[in-house]
Amino acid sequence: MPRQPFAPRVKYGAIPPRQPANRRIMNIRDALKEAIGRLNAASVPSHTLAAELLLMHALGRDRTWLYTHPDAELGAPTAEKYFDLVARRASGVPTQYLTGTQEFWGLDFEVTPAVLIPRPETEHVIEVVLERLGARPTATPPLRVVDVGTGSGCIAVALTHEFPHAEIDATDISPAALEVAQRNAARHKVDSRIHFHECNLLDIFLPRPGDARTSTPPRRMRFDAIVSNPPYIRRADAESLPLDVRRHEPEVALFAGDDGLAVYGPLIAQSAQLLRSGGLLALELGYDSLPGVCALLDKSAAWSDIRVTPDLAGIPRVISATRV
């Protein structure tokens, strides 16, 4: 009979080779389960969603792929990247800063720690502008709008999509924020219609001391709408903010003095100089800033038809007014 192939003798009780601990092989289902548990233990809000978004980012896949391939193997480098992201989220870093993106008005925006993370409540600003300005056909001169404190550029970009023939100016005091906003404008192919300016509020459009311009801005500086999601949080309220907001989002985009109104006053005064008659001012409100902002508008004869729009929770979210 033919000789049997040589078989090495195995010592009883020997342990077969195993993957090193840091090279553990996991599938999608197990990785998600473990990440959800870690984030839940760290009291991360919406921990399941965060685990999903971070895994989608690590893999470069969408949610449908995750749940239709639960047994797909997560390679060691990807697993290492994923759980590093999970650890950073558990430490308080916002998911959006880890993935680098946030959706707003149905569009994806790049976000970095240089800009405030766009929130669904700010979409009410867009809704108010659309409602009060209405549909605008091609016109000469085109509709002119300013987004003050543009941050990621989400409001400016959204408005260019809704008003295809508008020209948008966008200002911000932060050069790093403007770089992000410019990339977002290019990303959505509207950079030719948005003009970015590094300045405080609307300063760049107003005469400077010794400027040859008169105190009344020239006609070309008259705008049809001025919109803003300004800083409106009181300094004393800093400790009440969620940890990820307090530690990671830019202070310049959050805080507005002792009463939360430090930006509204100058912005309303400048807007009164720069809006045409019949022009629109639309401002996002903090949760308790309505009385103070109403008082600022009421004490000036420049404004009429003041309206307040609540968000889905019934909180006053946008105040808007027409320039007399």
C-alpha atoms as a PDB file:
ATOM      1  CA  MET A   1       0.000   0.000   0.000  1.00  0.00           C
ATOM      2  CA  PRO A   2       1.250   3.512  -0.649  1.00  0.00           C
ATOM      3  CA  ARG A   3       2.908   5.312   2.187  1.00  0.00           C
ATOM      4  CA  GLN A   4       0.748   7.771   4.040  1.00  0.00           C
ATOM      5  CA  PRO A   5       1.784  11.434   3.749  1.00  0.00           C
ATOM      6  CA  PHE A   6       3.896  12.535   6.624  1.00  0.00           C
ATOM      7  CA  ALA A   7       1.817  14.231   9.301  1.00  0.00           C
ATOM      8  CA  PRO A   8       3.630  16.151  12.021  1.00  0.00           C
ATOM      9  CA  ARG A   9       2.870  15.058  15.520  1.00  0.00           C
ATOM     10  CA  VAL A  10       0.943  17.582  17.528  1.00  0.00           C
ATOM     11  CA  LYS A  11       1.589  17.720  21.185  1.00  0.00           C
ATOM     12  CA  TYR A  12      -1.608  17.287  23.194  1.00  0.00           C
ATOM     13  CA  GLY A  13      -2.892  20.552  24.534  1.00  0.00           C
ATOM     14  CA  ALA A  14      -0.855  22.742  22.165  1.00  0.00           C
ATOM     15  CA  ILE A  15      -2.505  26.102  21.335  1.00  0.00           C
ATOM     16  CA  PRO A  16      -2.716  26.944  17.627  1.00  0.00           C
ATOM     17  CA  PRO A  17      -1.324  30.280  16.459  1.00  0.00           C
ATOM     18  CA  ARG A  18      -3.726  33.208  16.950  1.00  0.00           C
ATOM     19  CA  GLN A  19      -4.018  36.752  15.742  1.00  0.00           C
ATOM     20  CA  PRO A  20      -2.354  39.287  18.034  1.00  0.00           C
ATOM     21  CA  ALA A  21      -4.887  41.223  20.108  1.00  0.00           C
ATOM     22  CA  ASN A  22      -4.382  44.373  18.058  1.00  0.00           C
ATOM     23  CA  ARG A  23      -5.023  42.430  14.860  1.00  0.00           C
ATOM     24  CA  ARG A  24      -8.392  41.037  15.892  1.00  0.00           C
ATOM     25  CA  ILE A  25     -10.610  40.286  12.918  1.00  0.00           C
ATOM     26  CA  MET A  26     -14.202  41.507  13.255  1.00  0.00           C
ATOM     27  CA  ASN A  27     -17.198  41.695  10.991  1.00  0.00           C
ATOM     28  CA  ILE A  28     -19.462  44.715  10.488  1.00  0.00           C
ATOM     29  CA  ARG A  29     -22.102  43.477  12.917  1.00  0.00           C
ATOM     30  CA  ASP A  30     -19.656  42.859  15.769  1.00  0.00           C
ATOM     31  CA  ALA A  31     -17.779  46.117  15.193  1.00  0.00           C
ATOM     32  CA  LEU A  32     -20.995  48.131  15.336  1.00  0.00           C
ATOM     33  CA  LYS A  33     -22.188  46.314  18.434  1.00  0.00           C
ATOM     34  CA  GLU A  34     -18.924  46.953  20.253  1.00  0.00           C
ATOM     35  CA  ALA A  35     -18.786  50.615  19.194  1.00  0.00           C
ATOM     36  CA  ILE A  36     -22.379  51.240  20.247  1.00  0.00           C
ATOM     37  CA  GLY A  37     -21.598  49.743  23.647  1.00  0.00           C
ATOM     38  CA  ARG A  38     -18.506  51.926  24.108  1.00  0.00           C
ATOM     39  CA  LEU A  39     -20.317  55.119  23.115  1.00  0.00           C
ATOM     40  CA  ASN A  40     -23.328  54.291  25.270  1.00  0.00           C
ATOM     41  CA  ALA A  41     -21.045  53.695  28.247  1.00  0.00           C
ATOM     42  CA  ALA A  42     -19.533  57.155  27.621  1.00  0.00           C
ATOM     43  CA  SER A  43     -23.061  58.694  27.611  1.00  0.00           C
ATOM     44  CA  VAL A  44     -22.664  59.921  24.038  1.00  0.00           C
ATOM     45  CA  PRO A  45     -25.995  61.275  22.713  1.00  0.00           C
ATOM     46  CA  SER A  46     -27.415  59.313  19.762  1.00  0.00           C
ATOM     47  CA  HIS A  47     -24.687  56.735  20.269  1.00  0.00           C
ATOM     48  CA  THR A  48     -26.095  54.270  17.714  1.00  0.00           C
ATOM     49  CA  LEU A  49     -26.186  56.928  14.996  1.00  0.00           C
ATOM     50  CA  ALA A  50     -22.666  58.060  15.892  1.00  0.00           C
ATOM     51  CA  ALA A  51     -21.357  54.486  15.662  1.00  0.00           C
ATOM     52  CA  GLU A  52     -22.966  54.075  12.253  1.00  0.00           C
ATOM     53  CA  LEU A  53     -21.679  57.370  10.877  1.00  0.00           C
ATOM     54  CA  LEU A  54     -18.147  56.719  12.053  1.00  0.00           C
ATOM     55  CA  LEU A  55     -18.126  53.240  10.531  1.00  0.00           C
ATOM     56  CA  MET A  56     -19.513  54.582   7.259  1.00  0.00           C
ATOM     57  CA  HIS A  57     -16.690  57.128   7.280  1.00  0.00           C
ATOM     58  CA  ALA A  58     -13.998  54.577   8.112  1.00  0.00           C
ATOM     59  CA  LEU A  59     -15.180  52.244   5.344  1.00  0.00           C
ATOM     60  CA  GLY A  60     -16.213  54.835   2.769  1.00  0.00           C
ATOM     61  CA  ARG A  61     -19.609  53.100   2.530  1.00  0.00           C
ATOM     62  CA  ASP A  62     -23.218  54.158   3.043  1.00  0.00           C
ATOM     63  CA  ARG A  63     -25.702  52.893   5.639  1.00  0.00           C
ATOM     64  CA  THR A  64     -27.434  50.554   3.187  1.00  0.00           C
ATOM     65  CA  TRP A  65     -24.156  48.755   2.521  1.00  0.00           C
ATOM     66  CA  LEU A  66     -23.489  48.331   6.251  1.00  0.00           C
ATOM     67  CA  TYR A  67     -26.789  46.610   6.897  1.00  0.00           C
ATOM     68  CA  THR A  68     -26.733  44.459   3.784  1.00  0.00           C
ATOM     69  CA  HIS A  69     -23.207  43.185   4.527  1.00  0.00           C
ATOM     70  CA  PRO A  70     -23.255  42.483   8.289  1.00  0.00           C
ATOM     71  CA  ASP A  71     -20.807  39.581   7.952  1.00  0.00           C
ATOM     72  CA  ALA A  72     -18.266  41.466   5.847  1.00  0.00           C
ATOM     73  CA  GLU A  73     -14.860  41.385   7.468  1.00  0.00           C
ATOM     74  CA  LEU A  74     -13.409  44.560   8.887  1.00  0.00           C
ATOM     75  CA  GLY A  75      -9.704  44.504   8.083  1.00  0.00           C
ATOM     76  CA  ALA A  76      -7.271  45.269  10.891  1.00  0.00           C
ATOM     77  CA  PRO A  77      -6.231  48.742   9.579  1.00  0.00           C
ATOM     78  CA  THR A  78      -9.869  49.760   9.145  1.00  0.00           C
ATOM     79  CA  ALA A  79     -10.815  48.404  12.558  1.00  0.00           C
ATOM     80  CA  GLU A  80      -7.965  50.349  14.133  1.00  0.00           C
ATOM     81  CA  LYS A  81      -9.075  53.535  12.377  1.00  0.00           C
ATOM     82  CA  TYR A  82     -12.693  52.954  13.361  1.00  0.00           C
ATOM     83  CA  PHE A  83     -12.094  52.370  17.052  1.00  0.00           C
ATOM     84  CA  ASP A  84      -9.749  55.347  17.193  1.00  0.00           C
ATOM     85  CA  LEU A  85     -12.643  57.457  15.902  1.00  0.00           C
ATOM     86  CA  VAL A  86     -14.969  55.844  18.445  1.00  0.00           C
ATOM     87  CA  ALA A  87     -12.531  56.655  21.255  1.00  0.00           C
ATOM     88  CA  ARG A  88     -12.290  60.271  20.156  1.00  0.00           C
ATOM     89  CA  ARG A  89     -16.075  60.557  19.998  1.00  0.00           C
ATOM     90  CA  ALA A  90     -16.326  59.024  23.474  1.00  0.00           C
ATOM     91  CA  SER A  91     -13.895  61.718  24.683  1.00  0.00           C
ATOM     92  CA  GLY A  92     -16.246  64.435  23.439  1.00  0.00           C
ATOM     93  CA  VAL A  93     -15.108  65.290  19.898  1.00  0.00           C
ATOM     94  CA  PRO A  94     -18.261  65.877  17.776  1.00  0.00           C
ATOM     95  CA  THR A  95     -19.032  63.233  15.169  1.00  0.00           C
ATOM     96  CA  GLN A  96     -19.146  65.895  12.447  1.00  0.00           C
ATOM     97  CA  TYR A  97     -15.581  66.992  13.138  1.00  0.00           C
ATOM     98  CA  LEU A  98     -14.456  63.361  12.954  1.00  0.00           C
ATOM     99  CA  THR A  99     -16.185  62.636   9.652  1.00  0.00           C
ATOM    100  CA  GLY A 100     -15.613  66.170   8.313  1.00  0.00           C
ATOM    101  CA  THR A 101     -19.170  66.510   6.998  1.00  0.00           C
ATOM    102  CA  GLN A 102     -22.653  67.631   8.000  1.00  0.00           C
ATOM    103  CA  GLU A 103     -25.864  67.781   5.969  1.00  0.00           C
ATOM    104  CA  PHE A 104     -27.769  71.047   5.746  1.00  0.00           C
ATOM    105  CA  TRP A 105     -30.724  71.861   3.477  1.00  0.00           C
ATOM    106  CA  GLY A 106     -30.195  68.516   1.712  1.00  0.00           C
ATOM    107  CA  LEU A 107     -26.573  69.376   0.871  1.00  0.00           C
ATOM    108  CA  ASP A 108     -23.355  67.949   2.322  1.00  0.00           C
ATOM    109  CA  PHE A 109     -20.985  70.484   3.856  1.00  0.00           C
ATOM    110  CA  GLU A 110     -17.400  70.181   4.953  1.00  0.00           C
ATOM    111  CA  VAL A 111     -17.002  71.103   8.611  1.00  0.00           C
ATOM    112  CA  THR A 112     -13.857  71.559  10.674  1.00  0.00           C
ATOM    113  CA  PRO A 113     -13.248  72.859  14.212  1.00  0.00           C
ATOM    114  CA  ALA A 114     -12.903  76.311  12.615  1.00  0.00           C
ATOM    115  CA  VAL A 115     -16.670  76.493  11.988  1.00  0.00           C
ATOM    116  CA  LEU A 116     -19.884  75.989  13.886  1.00  0.00           C
ATOM    117  CA  ILE A 117     -21.587  72.707  13.001  1.00  0.00           C
ATOM    118  CA  PRO A 118     -24.724  73.495  10.934  1.00  0.00           C
ATOM    119  CA  ARG A 119     -27.918  72.542  12.762  1.00  0.00           C
ATOM    120  CA  PRO A 120     -31.423  71.753  11.510  1.00  0.00           C
ATOM    121  CA  GLU A 121     -32.847  74.753  13.390  1.00  0.00           C
ATOM    122  CA  THR A 122     -30.893  77.110  11.130  1.00  0.00           C
ATOM    123  CA  GLU A 123     -32.807  75.791   8.134  1.00  0.00           C
ATOM    124  CA  HIS A 124     -35.717  77.905   9.388  1.00  0.00           C
ATOM    125  CA  VAL A 125     -33.716  80.965   8.338  1.00  0.00           C
ATOM    126  CA  ILE A 126     -33.759  79.700   4.737  1.00  0.00           C
ATOM    127  CA  GLU A 127     -37.494  78.984   4.973  1.00  0.00           C
ATOM    128  CA  VAL A 128     -38.233  82.506   6.213  1.00  0.00           C
ATOM    129  CA  VAL A 129     -36.184  84.095   3.415  1.00  0.00           C
ATOM    130  CA  LEU A 130     -37.984  81.999   0.794  1.00  0.00           C
ATOM    131  CA  GLU A 131     -41.378  82.801   2.264  1.00  0.00           C
ATOM    132  CA  ARG A 132     -40.822  86.535   2.552  1.00  0.00           C
ATOM    133  CA  LEU A 133     -38.898  87.164  -0.669  1.00  0.00           C
ATOM    134  CA  GLY A 134     -40.903  84.717  -2.760  1.00  0.00           C
ATOM    135  CA  ALA A 135     -39.935  83.264  -6.131  1.00  0.00           C
ATOM    136  CA  ARG A 136     -37.586  85.557  -8.040  1.00  0.00           C
ATOM    137  CA  PRO A 137     -37.318  85.299 -11.827  1.00  0.00           C
ATOM    138  CA  THR A 138     -34.235  86.393 -13.714  1.00  0.00           C
ATOM    139  CA  ALA A 139     -33.796  90.065 -12.982  1.00  0.00           C
ATOM    140  CA  THR A 140     -31.417  92.908 -13.691  1.00  0.00           C
ATOM    141  CA  PRO A 141     -29.881  93.803 -11.360  1.00  0.00           C
ATOM    142  CA  PRO A 142     -29.903  90.397  -9.642  1.00  0.00           C
ATOM    143  CA  LEU A 143     -31.150  89.807  -6.108  1.00  0.00           C
ATOM    144  CA  ARG A 144     -28.420  90.764  -3.630  1.00  0.00           C
ATOM    145  CA  VAL A 145     -28.128  88.991  -0.294  1.00  0.00           C
ATOM    146  CA  VAL A 146     -25.564  89.107   2.521  1.00  0.00           C
ATOM    147  CA  ASP A 147     -24.916  86.207   4.904  1.00  0.00           C
ATOM    148  CA  VAL A 148     -23.257  87.635   8.016  1.00  0.00           C
ATOM    149  CA  GLY A 149     -20.960  85.324   9.976  1.00  0.00           C
ATOM    150  CA  THR A 150     -21.112  82.698   7.271  1.00  0.00           C
ATOM    151  CA  GLY A 151     -19.046  80.031   9.065  1.00  0.00           C
ATOM    152  CA  SER A 152     -19.217  76.893   6.905  1.00  0.00           C
ATOM    153  CA  GLY A 153     -21.109  78.864   4.262  1.00  0.00           C
ATOM    154  CA  CYS A 154     -24.210  76.696   4.672  1.00  0.00           C
ATOM    155  CA  ILE A 155     -26.731  79.564   4.533  1.00  0.00           C
ATOM    156  CA  ALA A 156     -25.014  81.292   1.613  1.00  0.00           C
ATOM    157  CA  VAL A 157     -24.717  78.091  -0.429  1.00  0.00           C
ATOM    158  CA  ALA A 158     -28.307  77.053   0.312  1.00  0.00           C
ATOM    159  CA  LEU A 159     -29.582  80.455  -0.824  1.00  0.00           C
ATOM    160  CA  THR A 160     -27.649  80.289  -4.094  1.00  0.00           C
ATOM    161  CA  HIS A 161     -29.420  76.997  -4.801  1.00  0.00           C
ATOM    162  CA  GLU A 162     -32.818  78.506  -4.067  1.00  0.00           C
ATOM    163  CA  PHE A 163     -32.154  81.762  -5.941  1.00  0.00           C
ATOM    164  CA  PRO A 164     -30.224  80.780  -9.099  1.00  0.00           C
ATOM    165  CA  HIS A 165     -29.905  84.406 -10.246  1.00  0.00           C
ATOM    166  CA  ALA A 166     -28.890  85.934  -6.922  1.00  0.00           C
ATOM    167  CA  GLU A 167     -25.507  87.314  -5.979  1.00  0.00           C
ATOM    168  CA  ILE A 168     -24.479  86.488  -2.430  1.00  0.00           C
ATOM    169  CA  ASP A 169     -21.942  88.235  -0.236  1.00  0.00           C
ATOM    170  CA  ALA A 170     -20.713  86.316   2.810  1.00  0.00           C
ATOM    171  CA  THR A 171     -18.718  87.773   5.691  1.00  0.00           C
ATOM    172  CA  ASP A 172     -16.846  86.262   8.603  1.00  0.00           C
ATOM    173  CA  ILE A 173     -14.277  87.528  11.078  1.00  0.00           C
ATOM    174  CA  SER A 174     -12.390  84.208  10.928  1.00  0.00           C
ATOM    175  CA  PRO A 175     -10.066  83.577   7.958  1.00  0.00           C
ATOM    176  CA  ALA A 176     -10.048  79.852   8.771  1.00  0.00           C
ATOM    177  CA  ALA A 177     -13.852  79.748   8.590  1.00  0.00           C
ATOM    178  CA  LEU A 178     -13.814  81.584   5.266  1.00  0.00           C
ATOM    179  CA  GLU A 179     -11.469  78.970   3.823  1.00  0.00           C
ATOM    180  CA  VAL A 180     -13.966  76.248   4.735  1.00  0.00           C
ATOM    181  CA  ALA A 181     -16.858  78.283   3.310  1.00  0.00           C
ATOM    182  CA  GLN A 182     -15.002  78.858   0.047  1.00  0.00           C
ATOM    183  CA  ARG A 183     -14.345  75.134  -0.300  1.00  0.00           C
ATOM    184  CA  ASN A 184     -18.018  74.427   0.291  1.00  0.00           C
ATOM    185  CA  ALA A 185     -19.033  76.957  -2.339  1.00  0.00           C
ATOM    186  CA  ALA A 186     -16.669  75.295  -4.828  1.00  0.00           C
ATOM    187  CA  ARG A 187     -17.904  71.856  -3.779  1.00  0.00           C
ATOM    188  CA  HIS A 188     -21.443  72.828  -4.756  1.00  0.00           C
ATOM    189  CA  LYS A 189     -20.326  74.760  -7.846  1.00  0.00           C
ATOM    190  CA  VAL A 190     -21.677  78.134  -6.695  1.00  0.00           C
ATOM    191  CA  ASP A 191     -18.354  79.827  -5.931  1.00  0.00           C
ATOM    192  CA  SER A 192     -18.755  82.185  -8.897  1.00  0.00           C
ATOM    193  CA  ARG A 193     -21.836  83.736  -7.259  1.00  0.00           C
ATOM    194  CA  ILE A 194     -20.646  84.034  -3.655  1.00  0.00           C
ATOM    195  CA  HIS A 195     -18.212  86.782  -2.716  1.00  0.00           C
ATOM    196  CA  PHE A 196     -16.409  86.186   0.575  1.00  0.00           C
ATOM    197  CA  HIS A 197     -15.148  88.984   2.821  1.00  0.00           C
ATOM    198  CA  GLU A 198     -13.043  88.832   5.969  1.00  0.00           C
ATOM    199  CA  CYS A 199     -14.518  91.466   8.252  1.00  0.00           C
ATOM    200  CA  ASN A 200     -16.605  92.003  11.354  1.00  0.00           C
ATOM    201  CA  LEU A 201     -20.339  91.913  10.589  1.00  0.00           C
ATOM    202  CA  LEU A 202     -20.988  94.309   7.661  1.00  0.00           C
ATOM    203  CA  ASP A 203     -18.036  96.659   8.219  1.00  0.00           C
ATOM    204  CA  ILE A 204     -16.609  96.173   4.730  1.00  0.00           C
ATOM    205  CA  PHE A 205     -19.706  97.687   3.123  1.00  0.00           C
ATOM    206  CA  LEU A 206     -19.805 100.804   5.310  1.00  0.00           C
ATOM    207  CA  PRO A 207     -17.756 103.995   5.054  1.00  0.00           C
ATOM    208  CA  ARG A 208     -14.608 104.071   7.151  1.00  0.00           C
ATOM    209  CA  PRO A 209     -13.386 107.222   8.910  1.00  0.00           C
ATOM    210  CA  GLY A 210     -11.866 109.425   6.227  1.00  0.00           C
ATOM    211  CA  ASP A 211     -13.402 107.326   3.458  1.00  0.00           C
ATOM    212  CA  ALA A 212     -14.441 109.312   0.388  1.00  0.00           C
ATOM    213  CA  ARG A 213     -17.824 107.561   0.443  1.00  0.00           C
ATOM    214  CA  THR A 214     -20.686 109.455   2.019  1.00  0.00           C
ATOM    215  CA  SER A 215     -22.474 108.251   5.127  1.00  0.00           C
ATOM    216  CA  THR A 216     -25.224 106.864   2.875  1.00  0.00           C
ATOM    217  CA  PRO A 217     -23.995 103.731   1.069  1.00  0.00           C
ATOM    218  CA  PRO A 218     -24.143 104.013  -2.730  1.00  0.00           C
ATOM    219  CA  ARG A 219     -26.968 102.303  -4.565  1.00  0.00           C
ATOM    220  CA  ARG A 220     -24.834  99.306  -5.493  1.00  0.00           C
ATOM    221  CA  MET A 221     -24.385  98.641  -1.786  1.00  0.00           C
ATOM    222  CA  ARG A 222     -28.112  98.423  -1.146  1.00  0.00           C
ATOM    223  CA  PHE A 223     -29.087  94.827  -0.418  1.00  0.00           C
ATOM    224  CA  ASP A 224     -32.360  92.969  -0.847  1.00  0.00           C
ATOM    225  CA  ALA A 225     -31.784  90.753   2.196  1.00  0.00           C
ATOM    226  CA  ILE A 226     -29.394  90.400   5.108  1.00  0.00           C
ATOM    227  CA  VAL A 227     -29.416  87.090   6.956  1.00  0.00           C
ATOM    228  CA  SER A 228     -27.420  85.724   9.857  1.00  0.00           C
ATOM    229  CA  ASN A 229     -27.065  83.020  12.466  1.00  0.00           C
ATOM    230  CA  PRO A 230     -25.083  85.190  14.887  1.00  0.00           C
ATOM    231  CA  PRO A 231     -23.451  84.226  18.183  1.00  0.00           C
ATOM    232  CA  TYR A 232     -26.110  84.479  20.896  1.00  0.00           C
ATOM    233  CA  ILE A 233     -25.010  82.497  23.969  1.00  0.00           C
ATOM    234  CA  ARG A 234     -24.311  84.329  27.220  1.00  0.00           C
ATOM    235  CA  ARG A 235     -20.862  83.756  28.677  1.00  0.00           C
ATOM    236  CA  ALA A 236     -22.446  82.758  31.973  1.00  0.00           C
ATOM    237  CA  ASP A 237     -24.238  79.901  30.200  1.00  0.00           C
ATOM    238  CA  ALA A 238     -21.036  78.258  28.954  1.00  0.00           C
ATOM    239  CA  GLU A 239     -21.023  75.535  31.611  1.00  0.00           C
ATOM    240  CA  SER A 240     -24.579  74.516  30.715  1.00  0.00           C
ATOM    241  CA  LEU A 241     -23.632  73.701  27.127  1.00  0.00           C
ATOM    242  CA  PRO A 242     -23.028  70.086  26.087  1.00  0.00           C
ATOM    243  CA  LEU A 243     -19.400  69.105  26.557  1.00  0.00           C
ATOM    244  CA  ASP A 244     -18.757  68.579  22.842  1.00  0.00           C
ATOM    245  CA  VAL A 245     -20.061  72.077  22.053  1.00  0.00           C
ATOM    246  CA  ARG A 246     -18.251  73.818  24.914  1.00  0.00           C
ATOM    247  CA  ARG A 247     -14.880  72.223  24.284  1.00  0.00           C
ATOM    248  CA  HIS A 248     -14.760  71.884  20.523  1.00  0.00           C
ATOM    249  CA  GLU A 249     -16.896  74.411  18.618  1.00  0.00           C
ATOM    250  CA  PRO A 250     -15.361  77.875  18.008  1.00  0.00           C
ATOM    251  CA  GLU A 251     -16.043  80.334  20.830  1.00  0.00           C
ATOM    252  CA  VAL A 252     -16.271  83.273  18.435  1.00  0.00           C
ATOM    253  CA  ALA A 253     -19.301  81.627  16.811  1.00  0.00           C
ATOM    254  CA  LEU A 254     -21.010  80.817  20.119  1.00  0.00           C
ATOM    255  CA  PHE A 255     -20.703  83.590  22.682  1.00  0.00           C
ATOM    256  CA  ALA A 256     -22.053  87.139  22.587  1.00  0.00           C
ATOM    257  CA  GLY A 257     -21.209  88.960  25.780  1.00  0.00           C
ATOM    258  CA  ASP A 258     -22.930  88.917  29.138  1.00  0.00           C
ATOM    259  CA  ASP A 259     -26.476  89.132  27.784  1.00  0.00           C
ATOM    260  CA  GLY A 260     -26.162  87.203  24.514  1.00  0.00           C
ATOM    261  CA  LEU A 261     -27.184  90.314  22.564  1.00  0.00           C
ATOM    262  CA  ALA A 262     -23.760  91.819  21.858  1.00  0.00           C
ATOM    263  CA  VAL A 263     -23.910  91.037  18.126  1.00  0.00           C
ATOM    264  CA  TYR A 264     -27.591  91.760  17.470  1.00  0.00           C
ATOM    265  CA  GLY A 265     -27.408  95.480  18.250  1.00  0.00           C
ATOM    266  CA  PRO A 266     -24.576  96.403  15.854  1.00  0.00           C
ATOM    267  CA  LEU A 267     -25.872  94.031  13.180  1.00  0.00           C
ATOM    268  CA  ILE A 268     -29.382  95.506  13.248  1.00  0.00           C
ATOM    269  CA  ALA A 269     -27.985  99.058  13.112  1.00  0.00           C
ATOM    270  CA  GLN A 270     -25.711  98.259  10.149  1.00  0.00           C
ATOM    271  CA  SER A 271     -28.504  96.431   8.349  1.00  0.00           C
ATOM    272  CA  ALA A 272     -30.704  99.511   8.604  1.00  0.00           C
ATOM    273  CA  GLN A 273     -28.037 101.418   6.667  1.00  0.00           C
ATOM    274  CA  LEU A 274     -27.447  98.791   3.996  1.00  0.00           C
ATOM    275  CA  LEU A 275     -30.868  97.356   3.165  1.00  0.00           C
ATOM    276  CA  ARG A 276     -32.955  98.925   0.451  1.00  0.00           C
ATOM    277  CA  SER A 277     -36.474 100.059   1.286  1.00  0.00           C
ATOM    278  CA  GLY A 278     -38.554  96.888   1.438  1.00  0.00           C
ATOM    279  CA  GLY A 279     -35.445  94.779   2.072  1.00  0.00           C
ATOM    280  CA  LEU A 280     -35.516  91.839   4.478  1.00  0.00           C
ATOM    281  CA  LEU A 281     -33.582  91.204   7.690  1.00  0.00           C
ATOM    282  CA  ALA A 282     -33.725  87.597   8.992  1.00  0.00           C
ATOM    283  CA  LEU A 283     -31.858  86.563  12.152  1.00  0.00           C
ATOM    284  CA  GLU A 284     -31.682  83.290  14.053  1.00  0.00           C
ATOM    285  CA  LEU A 285     -32.571  83.596  17.729  1.00  0.00           C
ATOM    286  CA  GLY A 286     -31.180  82.007  20.853  1.00  0.00           C
ATOM    287  CA  TYR A 287     -33.633  80.144  23.086  1.00  0.00           C
ATOM    288  CA  ASP A 288     -34.319  83.233  25.225  1.00  0.00           C
ATOM    289  CA  SER A 289     -33.111  86.133  23.093  1.00  0.00           C
ATOM    290  CA  LEU A 290     -36.474  87.118  21.572  1.00  0.00           C
ATOM    291  CA  PRO A 291     -37.400  89.878  24.077  1.00  0.00           C
ATOM    292  CA  GLY A 292     -34.030  91.596  23.752  1.00  0.00           C
ATOM    293  CA  VAL A 293     -33.940  91.431  19.946  1.00  0.00           C
ATOM    294  CA  CYS A 294     -37.543  92.630  19.668  1.00  0.00           C
ATOM    295  CA  ALA A 295     -36.644  95.617  21.823  1.00  0.00           C
ATOM    296  CA  LEU A 296     -33.714  96.454  19.535  1.00  0.00           C
ATOM    297  CA  LEU A 297     -35.983  96.422  16.471  1.00  0.00           C
ATOM    298  CA  ASP A 298     -38.866  98.230  18.151  1.00  0.00           C
ATOM    299  CA  LYS A 299     -36.771 101.187  19.287  1.00  0.00           C
ATOM    300  CA  SER A 300     -35.849 102.029  15.676  1.00  0.00           C
ATOM    301  CA  ALA A 301     -38.230 103.520  13.141  1.00  0.00           C
ATOM    302  CA  ALA A 302     -36.360 101.675  10.394  1.00  0.00           C
ATOM    303  CA  TRP A 303     -38.338  98.429  10.739  1.00  0.00           C
ATOM    304  CA  SER A 304     -41.850  97.237  10.011  1.00  0.00           C
ATOM    305  CA  ASP A 305     -43.708  93.924   9.666  1.00  0.00           C
ATOM    306  CA  ILE A 306     -41.700  92.210  12.387  1.00  0.00           C
ATOM    307  CA  ARG A 307     -42.428  88.457  12.489  1.00  0.00           C
ATOM    308  CA  VAL A 308     -41.272  85.605  14.709  1.00  0.00           C
ATOM    309  CA  THR A 309     -41.011  82.031  13.398  1.00  0.00           C
ATOM    310  CA  PRO A 310     -40.850  79.105  15.868  1.00  0.00           C
ATOM    311  CA  ASP A 311     -38.892  75.913  15.320  1.00  0.00           C
ATOM    312  CA  LEU A 312     -40.429  72.430  15.473  1.00  0.00           C
ATOM    313  CA  ALA A 313     -40.181  72.483  19.279  1.00  0.00           C
ATOM    314  CA  GLY A 314     -42.192  75.711  19.395  1.00  0.00           C
ATOM    315  CA  ILE A 315     -39.189  77.815  20.438  1.00  0.00           C
ATOM    316  CA  PRO A 316     -38.914  81.244  18.739  1.00  0.00           C
ATOM    317  CA  ARG A 317     -36.136  80.573  16.228  1.00  0.00           C
ATOM    318  CA  VAL A 318     -36.115  83.335  13.569  1.00  0.00           C
ATOM    319  CA  ILE A 319     -37.017  86.994  13.758  1.00  0.00           C
ATOM    320  CA  SER A 320     -37.524  88.875  10.507  1.00  0.00           C
ATOM    321  CA  ALA A 321     -38.370  92.438   9.601  1.00  0.00           C
ATOM    322  CA  THR A 322     -38.801  94.695   6.584  1.00  0.00           C
ATOM    323  CA  ARG A 323     -36.728  97.836   6.092  1.00  0.00           C
ATOM    324  CA  VAL A 324     -39.106 100.819   5.902  1.00  0.00           C
END
